[in-house]
């Protein structure tokens, strides 16, 4: 599966005992319309699982915790605080879920024409465009 990958990928795999290598598929879930009901809500992967293409799963769980804490500290009712947390943070998590899935799909193209096109596009786009997009993703504040 990893034949032809750059070093040290093949060497690392070859030196690992076969029974220590686990293979699991990555799954995502369409954004949920609701994360909770009454005095209960979800956060992290339970609320918005996404593929690992952007490396944001753990970060979003921390963002959830902060957004939830802020909402709880400014609302007298727990249920009101939970619904506010969901309403405010859902837009961000939907964006990351959808973007991660898209990047994964693009990154896994195997068609030679599409791969060549991807390479050309990434070479000709200005670095500031990539930086802007990364900032909007990684510089998020709750």
C-alpha atoms as a PDB file:
ATOM      1  CA  UNK A   1       0.000   0.000   0.000  1.00  0.00           C
ATOM      2  CA  UNK A   2       2.897   2.411   0.704  1.00  0.00           C
ATOM      3  CA  UNK A   3       5.321   1.119  -1.917  1.00  0.00           C
ATOM      4  CA  UNK A   4       7.162   3.990  -3.563  1.00  0.00           C
ATOM      5  CA  UNK A   5       6.533   6.490  -0.767  1.00  0.00           C
ATOM      6  CA  UNK A   6       9.407   8.735   0.271  1.00  0.00           C
ATOM      7  CA  UNK A   7      11.829   7.700   2.975  1.00  0.00           C
ATOM      8  CA  UNK A   8      11.513   6.848   5.781  1.00  0.00           C
ATOM      9  CA  UNK A   9       7.911   5.644   5.251  1.00  0.00           C
ATOM     10  CA  UNK A  10       8.752   2.254   3.745  1.00  0.00           C
ATOM     11  CA  UNK A  11      11.603   1.654   6.216  1.00  0.00           C
ATOM     12  CA  UNK A  12       9.387   2.481   9.199  1.00  0.00           C
ATOM     13  CA  UNK A  13       6.675   0.124   8.016  1.00  0.00           C
ATOM     14  CA  UNK A  14       9.186  -2.646   7.253  1.00  0.00           C
ATOM     15  CA  UNK A  15      10.661  -2.364  10.769  1.00  0.00           C
ATOM     16  CA  UNK A  16       7.256  -2.515  12.490  1.00  0.00           C
ATOM     17  CA  UNK A  17       5.914  -5.941  13.535  1.00  0.00           C
ATOM     18  CA  UNK A  18       3.010  -6.836  11.279  1.00  0.00           C
ATOM     19  CA  UNK A  19       0.634  -7.475  14.196  1.00  0.00           C
ATOM     20  CA  UNK A  20       1.303  -3.909  15.426  1.00  0.00           C
ATOM     21  CA  UNK A  21       0.020  -2.239  12.270  1.00  0.00           C
ATOM     22  CA  UNK A  22      -3.639  -1.348  12.473  1.00  0.00           C
ATOM     23  CA  UNK A  23      -5.702  -0.215   9.533  1.00  0.00           C
ATOM     24  CA  UNK A  24      -8.924   1.677  10.092  1.00  0.00           C
ATOM     25  CA  UNK A  25     -11.034   3.605   7.665  1.00  0.00           C
ATOM     26  CA  UNK A  26     -11.686   7.292   8.291  1.00  0.00           C
ATOM     27  CA  UNK A  27     -15.355   8.171   8.586  1.00  0.00           C
ATOM     28  CA  UNK A  28     -17.184  11.421   8.633  1.00  0.00           C
ATOM     29  CA  UNK A  29     -20.761  12.365   9.294  1.00  0.00           C
ATOM     30  CA  UNK A  30     -22.891  15.015   7.654  1.00  0.00           C
ATOM     31  CA  UNK A  31     -23.241  18.047   9.938  1.00  0.00           C
ATOM     32  CA  UNK A  32     -25.977  17.450  12.486  1.00  0.00           C
ATOM     33  CA  UNK A  33     -28.906  19.841  12.656  1.00  0.00           C
ATOM     34  CA  UNK A  34     -28.961  19.590  16.442  1.00  0.00           C
ATOM     35  CA  UNK A  35     -26.343  18.602  19.021  1.00  0.00           C
ATOM     36  CA  UNK A  36     -28.541  18.341  22.052  1.00  0.00           C
ATOM     37  CA  UNK A  37     -31.864  18.586  23.752  1.00  0.00           C
ATOM     38  CA  UNK A  38     -32.828  19.770  27.188  1.00  0.00           C
ATOM     39  CA  UNK A  39     -29.881  19.828  29.605  1.00  0.00           C
ATOM     40  CA  UNK A  40     -27.711  17.671  27.292  1.00  0.00           C
ATOM     41  CA  UNK A  41     -25.391  18.539  24.401  1.00  0.00           C
ATOM     42  CA  UNK A  42     -22.548  16.986  22.463  1.00  0.00           C
ATOM     43  CA  UNK A  43     -19.103  18.323  21.737  1.00  0.00           C
ATOM     44  CA  UNK A  44     -16.008  17.227  19.838  1.00  0.00           C
ATOM     45  CA  UNK A  45     -16.282  14.245  17.521  1.00  0.00           C
ATOM     46  CA  UNK A  46     -19.627  13.260  19.033  1.00  0.00           C
ATOM     47  CA  UNK A  47     -21.127  16.485  17.658  1.00  0.00           C
ATOM     48  CA  UNK A  48     -19.085  17.003  14.501  1.00  0.00           C
ATOM     49  CA  UNK A  49     -16.759  14.174  13.451  1.00  0.00           C
ATOM     50  CA  UNK A  50     -14.610  14.914  10.451  1.00  0.00           C
ATOM     51  CA  UNK A  51     -11.906  13.315   8.403  1.00  0.00           C
ATOM     52  CA  UNK A  52      -8.327  14.020   9.583  1.00  0.00           C
ATOM     53  CA  UNK A  53      -7.302  15.956   6.475  1.00  0.00           C
ATOM     54  CA  UNK A  54      -6.954  19.311   8.242  1.00  0.00           C
ATOM     55  CA  UNK A  55      -5.808  17.998  11.621  1.00  0.00           C
ATOM     56  CA  UNK A  56      -8.549  19.935  13.403  1.00  0.00           C
ATOM     57  CA  UNK A  57     -10.474  17.266  15.344  1.00  0.00           C
ATOM     58  CA  UNK A  58      -8.747  17.759  18.696  1.00  0.00           C
ATOM     59  CA  UNK A  59      -8.566  21.517  18.184  1.00  0.00           C
ATOM     60  CA  UNK A  60     -12.296  21.729  17.555  1.00  0.00           C
ATOM     61  CA  UNK A  61     -13.000  19.779  20.748  1.00  0.00           C
ATOM     62  CA  UNK A  62     -10.951  22.367  22.664  1.00  0.00           C
ATOM     63  CA  UNK A  63     -12.788  25.166  20.861  1.00  0.00           C
ATOM     64  CA  UNK A  64     -16.071  23.501  21.822  1.00  0.00           C
ATOM     65  CA  UNK A  65     -15.033  23.409  25.472  1.00  0.00           C
ATOM     66  CA  UNK A  66     -14.155  27.108  25.433  1.00  0.00           C
ATOM     67  CA  UNK A  67     -17.318  28.104  23.552  1.00  0.00           C
ATOM     68  CA  UNK A  68     -19.411  26.012  25.946  1.00  0.00           C
ATOM     69  CA  UNK A  69     -17.707  27.526  29.007  1.00  0.00           C
ATOM     70  CA  UNK A  70     -18.297  31.049  27.670  1.00  0.00           C
ATOM     71  CA  UNK A  71     -21.928  30.298  26.975  1.00  0.00           C
ATOM     72  CA  UNK A  72     -22.460  28.757  30.418  1.00  0.00           C
ATOM     73  CA  UNK A  73     -20.838  31.751  32.103  1.00  0.00           C
ATOM     74  CA  UNK A  74     -23.119  34.278  30.386  1.00  0.00           C
ATOM     75  CA  UNK A  75     -26.499  32.522  30.558  1.00  0.00           C
ATOM     76  CA  UNK A  76     -28.553  31.908  33.674  1.00  0.00           C
ATOM     77  CA  UNK A  77     -30.287  28.844  32.257  1.00  0.00           C
ATOM     78  CA  UNK A  78     -28.230  25.756  31.411  1.00  0.00           C
ATOM     79  CA  UNK A  79     -30.555  24.843  28.555  1.00  0.00           C
ATOM     80  CA  UNK A  80     -30.335  28.362  27.113  1.00  0.00           C
ATOM     81  CA  UNK A  81     -26.538  28.233  27.400  1.00  0.00           C
ATOM     82  CA  UNK A  82     -26.354  24.874  25.651  1.00  0.00           C
ATOM     83  CA  UNK A  83     -28.559  25.952  22.759  1.00  0.00           C
ATOM     84  CA  UNK A  84     -26.573  29.197  22.399  1.00  0.00           C
ATOM     85  CA  UNK A  85     -23.266  27.257  22.342  1.00  0.00           C
ATOM     86  CA  UNK A  86     -24.671  24.989  19.627  1.00  0.00           C
ATOM     87  CA  UNK A  87     -26.081  27.854  17.562  1.00  0.00           C
ATOM     88  CA  UNK A  88     -22.906  29.936  17.742  1.00  0.00           C
ATOM     89  CA  UNK A  89     -20.367  27.163  17.221  1.00  0.00           C
ATOM     90  CA  UNK A  90     -22.192  25.035  14.624  1.00  0.00           C
ATOM     91  CA  UNK A  91     -21.273  27.365  11.752  1.00  0.00           C
ATOM     92  CA  UNK A  92     -17.553  26.965  12.497  1.00  0.00           C
ATOM     93  CA  UNK A  93     -17.692  23.189  12.845  1.00  0.00           C
ATOM     94  CA  UNK A  94     -19.740  22.751   9.663  1.00  0.00           C
ATOM     95  CA  UNK A  95     -17.148  24.758   7.772  1.00  0.00           C
ATOM     96  CA  UNK A  96     -14.280  22.603   9.079  1.00  0.00           C
ATOM     97  CA  UNK A  97     -16.168  19.348   8.466  1.00  0.00           C
ATOM     98  CA  UNK A  98     -16.975  20.240   4.869  1.00  0.00           C
ATOM     99  CA  UNK A  99     -13.537  21.655   4.122  1.00  0.00           C
ATOM    100  CA  UNK A 100     -11.764  18.625   5.579  1.00  0.00           C
ATOM    101  CA  UNK A 101     -13.871  16.283   3.481  1.00  0.00           C
ATOM    102  CA  UNK A 102     -13.227  18.334   0.331  1.00  0.00           C
ATOM    103  CA  UNK A 103      -9.460  18.461   0.938  1.00  0.00           C
ATOM    104  CA  UNK A 104      -9.418  14.722   1.510  1.00  0.00           C
ATOM    105  CA  UNK A 105     -11.257  14.054  -1.720  1.00  0.00           C
ATOM    106  CA  UNK A 106      -8.935  16.329  -3.697  1.00  0.00           C
ATOM    107  CA  UNK A 107      -5.862  14.841  -2.033  1.00  0.00           C
ATOM    108  CA  UNK A 108      -6.916  11.306  -2.942  1.00  0.00           C
ATOM    109  CA  UNK A 109      -7.428  11.869  -6.628  1.00  0.00           C
ATOM    110  CA  UNK A 110      -5.727   9.125  -8.618  1.00  0.00           C
ATOM    111  CA  UNK A 111      -6.674  10.172 -12.128  1.00  0.00           C
ATOM    112  CA  UNK A 112      -3.413  11.369 -13.715  1.00  0.00           C
ATOM    113  CA  UNK A 113      -5.065  14.321 -15.460  1.00  0.00           C
ATOM    114  CA  UNK A 114      -6.703  15.529 -12.242  1.00  0.00           C
ATOM    115  CA  UNK A 115      -3.487  15.044 -10.253  1.00  0.00           C
ATOM    116  CA  UNK A 116      -1.526  17.008 -12.859  1.00  0.00           C
ATOM    117  CA  UNK A 117      -4.157  19.750 -12.766  1.00  0.00           C
ATOM    118  CA  UNK A 118      -3.977  19.861  -8.972  1.00  0.00           C
ATOM    119  CA  UNK A 119      -0.208  20.252  -9.136  1.00  0.00           C
ATOM    120  CA  UNK A 120      -0.429  23.072 -11.687  1.00  0.00           C
ATOM    121  CA  UNK A 121      -3.076  24.934  -9.698  1.00  0.00           C
ATOM    122  CA  UNK A 122      -1.160  24.677  -6.425  1.00  0.00           C
ATOM    123  CA  UNK A 123       2.006  25.939  -8.117  1.00  0.00           C
ATOM    124  CA  UNK A 124       0.434  28.962  -9.806  1.00  0.00           C
ATOM    125  CA  UNK A 125      -1.733  30.192  -6.936  1.00  0.00           C
ATOM    126  CA  UNK A 126       0.019  32.881  -4.906  1.00  0.00           C
ATOM    127  CA  UNK A 127       1.294  31.905  -1.457  1.00  0.00           C
ATOM    128  CA  UNK A 128      -0.763  34.695   0.114  1.00  0.00           C
ATOM    129  CA  UNK A 129      -3.950  32.952  -1.061  1.00  0.00           C
ATOM    130  CA  UNK A 130      -2.975  29.776   0.814  1.00  0.00           C
ATOM    131  CA  UNK A 131      -1.908  31.820   3.847  1.00  0.00           C
ATOM    132  CA  UNK A 132      -5.235  33.663   3.896  1.00  0.00           C
ATOM    133  CA  UNK A 133      -7.161  30.397   3.750  1.00  0.00           C
ATOM    134  CA  UNK A 134      -5.044  28.833   6.469  1.00  0.00           C
ATOM    135  CA  UNK A 135      -5.423  31.867   8.709  1.00  0.00           C
ATOM    136  CA  UNK A 136      -9.199  31.724   8.409  1.00  0.00           C
ATOM    137  CA  UNK A 137      -9.043  28.114   9.522  1.00  0.00           C
ATOM    138  CA  UNK A 138      -6.309  28.136  12.162  1.00  0.00           C
ATOM    139  CA  UNK A 139      -6.658  31.632  13.639  1.00  0.00           C
ATOM    140  CA  UNK A 140     -10.251  31.128  14.743  1.00  0.00           C
ATOM    141  CA  UNK A 141     -11.292  32.640  18.040  1.00  0.00           C
ATOM    142  CA  UNK A 142     -14.418  31.651  19.944  1.00  0.00           C
END
